[in-house]
Each structure stands twice: as structure tokens, then as C-alpha cells.
Amino acid sequence: MTNLSFVHVHSMRLATGQEALVARVLTKEGKVGYGFSFQLDAADARHMAEWHAGVRSERPRLEPVLGHPWETAFLANEAIPWECEPGFTALEFLPPRPPGSSASTR
């Protein structure tokens, strides 16, 4: 993806104890996209984040594995409730957001 200025993938522990990978992409226009993988596949998480940011046209396929609210929302084509996981709200992605920017994940 040539329109990306940054990609960052984090491993995090879910409240249930399982591990997940969460990706954040930043486009050259400043748009942020997020993605996840419960199968610990960084490419899957990155592709979802790229799609969320609008730089990948094909919506990623997702095989549900945990019945997690993120999976449920993605499969229903609804906004993903990132904030339902305390570990997600504690992640610090690079590059940091500019001073005064919104901390919203939407």
C-alpha cells in the first residue's frame, strides 16, 4: 500500500486471557485504521486496518474463533467496539498522535 505512512502491530492480552494482534495504520492523509487477529496473524490484522483506513478495497474475510464482540461487530458490518477491551485502550501506537489531536479510535 503506497498510501500508508505508518503501520504498527501490537500483541495484547484480552480480558479473557487470550492473546490478540492489533494493527494500526496511518495514511499519508492522516486517516487511521485499526484491525485485529485472534489467530495471531499480523498480515490479517494489517489488511483489516488498511481496509478500515480506506486504502484496501477488498473487505478482509474473518473466520470467527472466539465469539468476541470485535468479531461479532466486524461480521455484522458494524463499528468495532474497541473500547470493550481495557488492554486496547492502554496500547500506545507509533508514531504518536500530534499534540491536541483526538484520542478517538473512530
N, C-alpha and C. Protein backbone atom coordinates (compact mmCIF):
# COMPACT_ATOMS: atom_id res chain seq x y z
N MET A 1 0.85 -1.17 0.00
CA MET A 1 0.00 0.00 0.00
C MET A 1 0.90 1.24 0.00
N THR A 2 0.88 1.96 -1.06
CA THR A 2 1.74 3.13 -1.18
C THR A 2 1.19 4.35 -0.48
N ASN A 3 -0.08 4.32 -0.09
CA ASN A 3 -0.68 5.47 0.57
C ASN A 3 -0.48 5.46 2.08
N LEU A 4 0.23 4.48 2.60
CA LEU A 4 0.43 4.38 4.05
C LEU A 4 1.72 5.09 4.45
N SER A 5 1.64 5.79 5.57
CA SER A 5 2.86 6.39 6.09
C SER A 5 3.38 5.62 7.30
N PHE A 6 2.52 4.78 7.90
CA PHE A 6 2.98 4.03 9.06
C PHE A 6 2.08 2.84 9.31
N VAL A 7 2.68 1.72 9.74
CA VAL A 7 1.96 0.51 10.16
C VAL A 7 2.57 0.05 11.46
N HIS A 8 1.72 -0.28 12.43
CA HIS A 8 2.21 -0.75 13.72
C HIS A 8 1.30 -1.89 14.18
N VAL A 9 1.89 -3.02 14.54
CA VAL A 9 1.13 -4.17 15.04
C VAL A 9 1.57 -4.44 16.47
N HIS A 10 0.59 -4.58 17.35
CA HIS A 10 0.81 -4.85 18.77
C HIS A 10 0.22 -6.19 19.15
N SER A 11 0.86 -6.87 20.06
CA SER A 11 0.27 -8.03 20.70
C SER A 11 -0.36 -7.55 22.00
N MET A 12 -1.55 -8.04 22.31
CA MET A 12 -2.18 -7.65 23.57
C MET A 12 -2.92 -8.83 24.17
N ARG A 13 -3.09 -8.78 25.47
CA ARG A 13 -3.83 -9.80 26.20
C ARG A 13 -5.26 -9.32 26.37
N LEU A 14 -6.22 -10.15 25.95
CA LEU A 14 -7.63 -9.81 26.12
C LEU A 14 -8.05 -10.02 27.57
N ALA A 15 -9.16 -9.45 27.95
CA ALA A 15 -9.66 -9.60 29.32
C ALA A 15 -9.90 -11.07 29.66
N THR A 16 -10.19 -11.90 28.65
CA THR A 16 -10.44 -13.33 28.86
C THR A 16 -9.16 -14.14 29.00
N GLY A 17 -8.01 -13.51 28.74
CA GLY A 17 -6.73 -14.18 28.85
C GLY A 17 -6.12 -14.58 27.52
N GLN A 18 -6.93 -14.62 26.45
CA GLN A 18 -6.38 -14.94 25.13
C GLN A 18 -5.53 -13.78 24.62
N GLU A 19 -4.68 -14.10 23.65
CA GLU A 19 -3.83 -13.10 23.03
C GLU A 19 -4.43 -12.69 21.69
N ALA A 20 -4.22 -11.43 21.32
CA ALA A 20 -4.68 -10.92 20.03
C ALA A 20 -3.60 -10.02 19.46
N LEU A 21 -3.59 -9.90 18.15
CA LEU A 21 -2.76 -8.91 17.49
C LEU A 21 -3.67 -7.79 17.03
N VAL A 22 -3.24 -6.55 17.27
CA VAL A 22 -3.99 -5.37 16.86
C VAL A 22 -3.07 -4.53 16.00
N ALA A 23 -3.57 -4.12 14.83
CA ALA A 23 -2.79 -3.29 13.92
C ALA A 23 -3.40 -1.90 13.84
N ARG A 24 -2.53 -0.92 13.66
CA ARG A 24 -2.95 0.46 13.40
C ARG A 24 -2.17 0.94 12.19
N VAL A 25 -2.88 1.47 11.21
CA VAL A 25 -2.21 2.07 10.06
C VAL A 25 -2.55 3.54 10.02
N LEU A 26 -1.63 4.30 9.48
CA LEU A 26 -1.81 5.73 9.31
C LEU A 26 -1.55 6.06 7.85
N THR A 27 -2.53 6.69 7.20
CA THR A 27 -2.35 7.04 5.79
C THR A 27 -1.59 8.36 5.69
N LYS A 28 -1.11 8.65 4.51
CA LYS A 28 -0.41 9.91 4.28
C LYS A 28 -1.34 11.11 4.49
N GLU A 29 -2.64 10.88 4.37
CA GLU A 29 -3.62 11.95 4.61
C GLU A 29 -3.99 12.07 6.09
N GLY A 30 -3.45 11.19 6.93
CA GLY A 30 -3.71 11.25 8.36
C GLY A 30 -4.87 10.39 8.85
N LYS A 31 -5.46 9.59 7.96
CA LYS A 31 -6.56 8.72 8.37
C LYS A 31 -6.00 7.50 9.08
N VAL A 32 -6.66 7.09 10.16
CA VAL A 32 -6.23 5.96 10.97
C VAL A 32 -7.18 4.79 10.74
N GLY A 33 -6.62 3.60 10.65
CA GLY A 33 -7.42 2.38 10.55
C GLY A 33 -6.90 1.35 11.54
N TYR A 34 -7.80 0.55 12.09
CA TYR A 34 -7.44 -0.49 13.04
C TYR A 34 -7.89 -1.85 12.53
N GLY A 35 -7.18 -2.88 12.94
CA GLY A 35 -7.55 -4.24 12.61
C GLY A 35 -7.08 -5.17 13.71
N PHE A 36 -7.56 -6.42 13.68
CA PHE A 36 -7.20 -7.38 14.71
C PHE A 36 -7.10 -8.77 14.13
N SER A 37 -6.43 -9.64 14.85
CA SER A 37 -6.39 -11.06 14.52
C SER A 37 -6.31 -11.85 15.82
N PHE A 38 -7.28 -12.75 16.01
CA PHE A 38 -7.24 -13.65 17.16
C PHE A 38 -6.47 -14.93 16.81
N GLN A 39 -6.11 -15.08 15.54
CA GLN A 39 -5.29 -16.21 15.12
C GLN A 39 -3.81 -15.82 15.07
N LEU A 40 -3.52 -14.64 15.57
CA LEU A 40 -2.15 -14.12 15.70
C LEU A 40 -1.45 -14.01 14.35
N ASP A 41 -2.20 -13.58 13.36
CA ASP A 41 -1.66 -13.38 12.02
C ASP A 41 -1.55 -11.88 11.77
N ALA A 42 -0.33 -11.36 11.76
CA ALA A 42 -0.10 -9.93 11.61
C ALA A 42 -0.60 -9.42 10.26
N ALA A 43 -0.48 -10.23 9.21
CA ALA A 43 -0.97 -9.80 7.90
C ALA A 43 -2.48 -9.61 7.91
N ASP A 44 -3.20 -10.52 8.56
CA ASP A 44 -4.66 -10.38 8.65
C ASP A 44 -5.04 -9.10 9.39
N ALA A 45 -4.38 -8.83 10.51
CA ALA A 45 -4.67 -7.62 11.28
C ALA A 45 -4.35 -6.37 10.45
N ARG A 46 -3.23 -6.41 9.75
CA ARG A 46 -2.83 -5.26 8.92
C ARG A 46 -3.80 -5.04 7.77
N HIS A 47 -4.22 -6.12 7.10
CA HIS A 47 -5.17 -5.97 6.00
C HIS A 47 -6.49 -5.38 6.48
N MET A 48 -6.95 -5.80 7.65
CA MET A 48 -8.19 -5.25 8.20
C MET A 48 -8.00 -3.76 8.49
N ALA A 49 -6.87 -3.38 9.06
CA ALA A 49 -6.60 -1.97 9.36
C ALA A 49 -6.52 -1.15 8.08
N GLU A 50 -5.90 -1.70 7.05
CA GLU A 50 -5.82 -1.00 5.76
C GLU A 50 -7.21 -0.80 5.17
N TRP A 51 -8.06 -1.82 5.26
CA TRP A 51 -9.43 -1.71 4.78
C TRP A 51 -10.18 -0.65 5.58
N HIS A 52 -10.01 -0.68 6.89
CA HIS A 52 -10.68 0.29 7.76
C HIS A 52 -10.25 1.72 7.43
N ALA A 53 -9.00 1.90 7.04
CA ALA A 53 -8.49 3.23 6.69
C ALA A 53 -8.84 3.63 5.26
N GLY A 54 -9.39 2.69 4.48
CA GLY A 54 -9.82 3.01 3.13
C GLY A 54 -8.76 2.85 2.06
N VAL A 55 -7.64 2.19 2.38
CA VAL A 55 -6.59 2.02 1.37
C VAL A 55 -6.59 0.61 0.77
N ARG A 56 -7.42 -0.26 1.28
CA ARG A 56 -7.58 -1.61 0.71
C ARG A 56 -9.06 -1.75 0.34
N SER A 57 -9.33 -2.07 -0.90
CA SER A 57 -10.72 -2.09 -1.36
C SER A 57 -11.47 -3.35 -0.93
N GLU A 58 -10.79 -4.48 -0.88
CA GLU A 58 -11.47 -5.72 -0.55
C GLU A 58 -11.58 -5.89 0.96
N ARG A 59 -12.82 -6.09 1.42
CA ARG A 59 -13.06 -6.32 2.85
C ARG A 59 -12.45 -7.67 3.23
N PRO A 60 -11.62 -7.69 4.26
CA PRO A 60 -10.99 -8.95 4.66
C PRO A 60 -12.02 -9.98 5.12
N ARG A 61 -11.70 -11.23 4.88
CA ARG A 61 -12.53 -12.32 5.39
C ARG A 61 -12.12 -12.59 6.82
N LEU A 62 -13.08 -12.98 7.62
CA LEU A 62 -12.80 -13.27 9.02
C LEU A 62 -13.52 -14.54 9.41
N GLU A 63 -12.76 -15.50 9.89
CA GLU A 63 -13.34 -16.72 10.45
C GLU A 63 -13.39 -16.53 11.96
N PRO A 64 -14.58 -16.45 12.54
CA PRO A 64 -14.66 -16.24 13.99
C PRO A 64 -14.06 -17.41 14.76
N VAL A 65 -13.31 -17.08 15.80
CA VAL A 65 -12.70 -18.13 16.61
C VAL A 65 -13.06 -18.01 18.09
N LEU A 66 -13.43 -16.81 18.55
CA LEU A 66 -13.71 -16.63 19.98
C LEU A 66 -15.14 -16.18 20.28
N GLY A 67 -15.88 -15.73 19.28
CA GLY A 67 -17.19 -15.15 19.56
C GLY A 67 -17.05 -13.83 20.29
N HIS A 68 -15.93 -13.18 20.10
CA HIS A 68 -15.62 -11.91 20.77
C HIS A 68 -16.43 -10.77 20.15
N PRO A 69 -16.77 -9.73 20.95
CA PRO A 69 -17.52 -8.59 20.41
C PRO A 69 -16.88 -7.95 19.17
N TRP A 70 -15.55 -7.96 19.07
CA TRP A 70 -14.90 -7.40 17.87
C TRP A 70 -15.26 -8.23 16.65
N GLU A 71 -15.21 -9.57 16.78
CA GLU A 71 -15.58 -10.44 15.66
C GLU A 71 -17.04 -10.26 15.29
N THR A 72 -17.90 -10.25 16.29
CA THR A 72 -19.33 -10.12 16.07
C THR A 72 -19.65 -8.83 15.32
N ALA A 73 -19.04 -7.73 15.76
CA ALA A 73 -19.28 -6.43 15.11
C ALA A 73 -18.75 -6.44 13.68
N PHE A 74 -17.55 -6.96 13.47
CA PHE A 74 -16.97 -6.97 12.12
C PHE A 74 -17.84 -7.79 11.18
N LEU A 75 -18.26 -8.96 11.62
CA LEU A 75 -19.08 -9.83 10.78
C LEU A 75 -20.46 -9.22 10.48
N ALA A 76 -20.97 -8.39 11.39
CA ALA A 76 -22.26 -7.73 11.20
C ALA A 76 -22.10 -6.40 10.46
N ASN A 77 -20.86 -6.08 10.06
CA ASN A 77 -20.56 -4.82 9.38
C ASN A 77 -20.93 -3.61 10.23
N GLU A 78 -20.68 -3.71 11.52
CA GLU A 78 -20.93 -2.64 12.48
C GLU A 78 -19.60 -2.09 12.98
N ALA A 79 -19.65 -0.95 13.63
CA ALA A 79 -18.45 -0.36 14.23
C ALA A 79 -17.91 -1.32 15.29
N ILE A 80 -16.61 -1.51 15.28
CA ILE A 80 -15.99 -2.43 16.25
C ILE A 80 -15.86 -1.71 17.59
N PRO A 81 -16.34 -2.33 18.67
CA PRO A 81 -16.27 -1.70 19.99
C PRO A 81 -14.89 -1.90 20.64
N TRP A 82 -13.90 -1.21 20.08
CA TRP A 82 -12.52 -1.37 20.56
C TRP A 82 -12.41 -1.17 22.06
N GLU A 83 -13.18 -0.21 22.58
CA GLU A 83 -13.08 0.15 24.00
C GLU A 83 -13.58 -0.94 24.95
N CYS A 84 -14.19 -2.01 24.42
CA CYS A 84 -14.66 -3.08 25.31
C CYS A 84 -13.49 -3.86 25.90
N GLU A 85 -12.30 -3.68 25.36
CA GLU A 85 -11.10 -4.34 25.88
C GLU A 85 -10.20 -3.31 26.56
N PRO A 86 -10.06 -3.39 27.88
CA PRO A 86 -9.19 -2.44 28.59
C PRO A 86 -7.76 -2.44 28.04
N GLY A 87 -7.29 -3.58 27.57
CA GLY A 87 -5.94 -3.65 27.01
C GLY A 87 -5.78 -2.81 25.76
N PHE A 88 -6.85 -2.70 24.96
CA PHE A 88 -6.77 -1.89 23.74
C PHE A 88 -6.61 -0.41 24.07
N THR A 89 -7.37 0.05 25.04
CA THR A 89 -7.31 1.47 25.37
C THR A 89 -5.96 1.85 25.99
N ALA A 90 -5.21 0.86 26.46
CA ALA A 90 -3.89 1.13 27.05
C ALA A 90 -2.75 1.06 26.02
N LEU A 91 -3.04 0.59 24.79
CA LEU A 91 -1.99 0.49 23.79
C LEU A 91 -1.46 1.86 23.39
N GLU A 92 -0.17 1.92 23.15
CA GLU A 92 0.44 3.14 22.65
C GLU A 92 1.05 2.81 21.30
N PHE A 93 0.49 3.40 20.26
CA PHE A 93 0.96 3.15 18.90
C PHE A 93 1.96 4.21 18.47
N LEU A 94 2.85 3.80 17.59
CA LEU A 94 3.80 4.73 16.98
C LEU A 94 3.32 5.01 15.57
N PRO A 95 3.56 6.15 14.99
CA PRO A 95 4.04 7.34 15.67
C PRO A 95 2.95 7.90 16.57
N PRO A 96 3.35 8.64 17.60
CA PRO A 96 2.34 9.19 18.50
C PRO A 96 1.47 10.21 17.76
N ARG A 97 0.26 10.36 18.24
CA ARG A 97 -0.64 11.35 17.65
C ARG A 97 -0.10 12.76 17.93
N PRO A 98 -0.32 13.69 17.01
CA PRO A 98 0.15 15.05 17.23
C PRO A 98 -0.52 15.67 18.46
N PRO A 99 0.17 16.60 19.14
CA PRO A 99 -0.45 17.26 20.29
C PRO A 99 -1.77 17.90 19.92
N GLY A 100 -2.74 17.73 20.78
CA GLY A 100 -4.05 18.32 20.55
C GLY A 100 -4.98 17.49 19.68
N SER A 101 -4.50 16.34 19.18
CA SER A 101 -5.36 15.52 18.34
C SER A 101 -6.30 14.70 19.20
N SER A 102 -7.36 14.24 18.59
CA SER A 102 -8.33 13.42 19.30
C SER A 102 -7.75 12.03 19.56
N ALA A 103 -8.07 11.48 20.70
CA ALA A 103 -7.61 10.12 21.02
C ALA A 103 -8.63 9.08 20.60
N SER A 104 -9.66 9.52 19.89
CA SER A 104 -10.70 8.62 19.47
C SER A 104 -10.18 7.56 18.52
N THR A 105 -10.75 6.36 18.60
CA THR A 105 -10.35 5.27 17.72
C THR A 105 -11.24 5.21 16.49
N ARG A 106 -12.14 6.11 16.32
CA ARG A 106 -13.06 6.11 15.18
C ARG A 106 -12.51 6.95 14.06
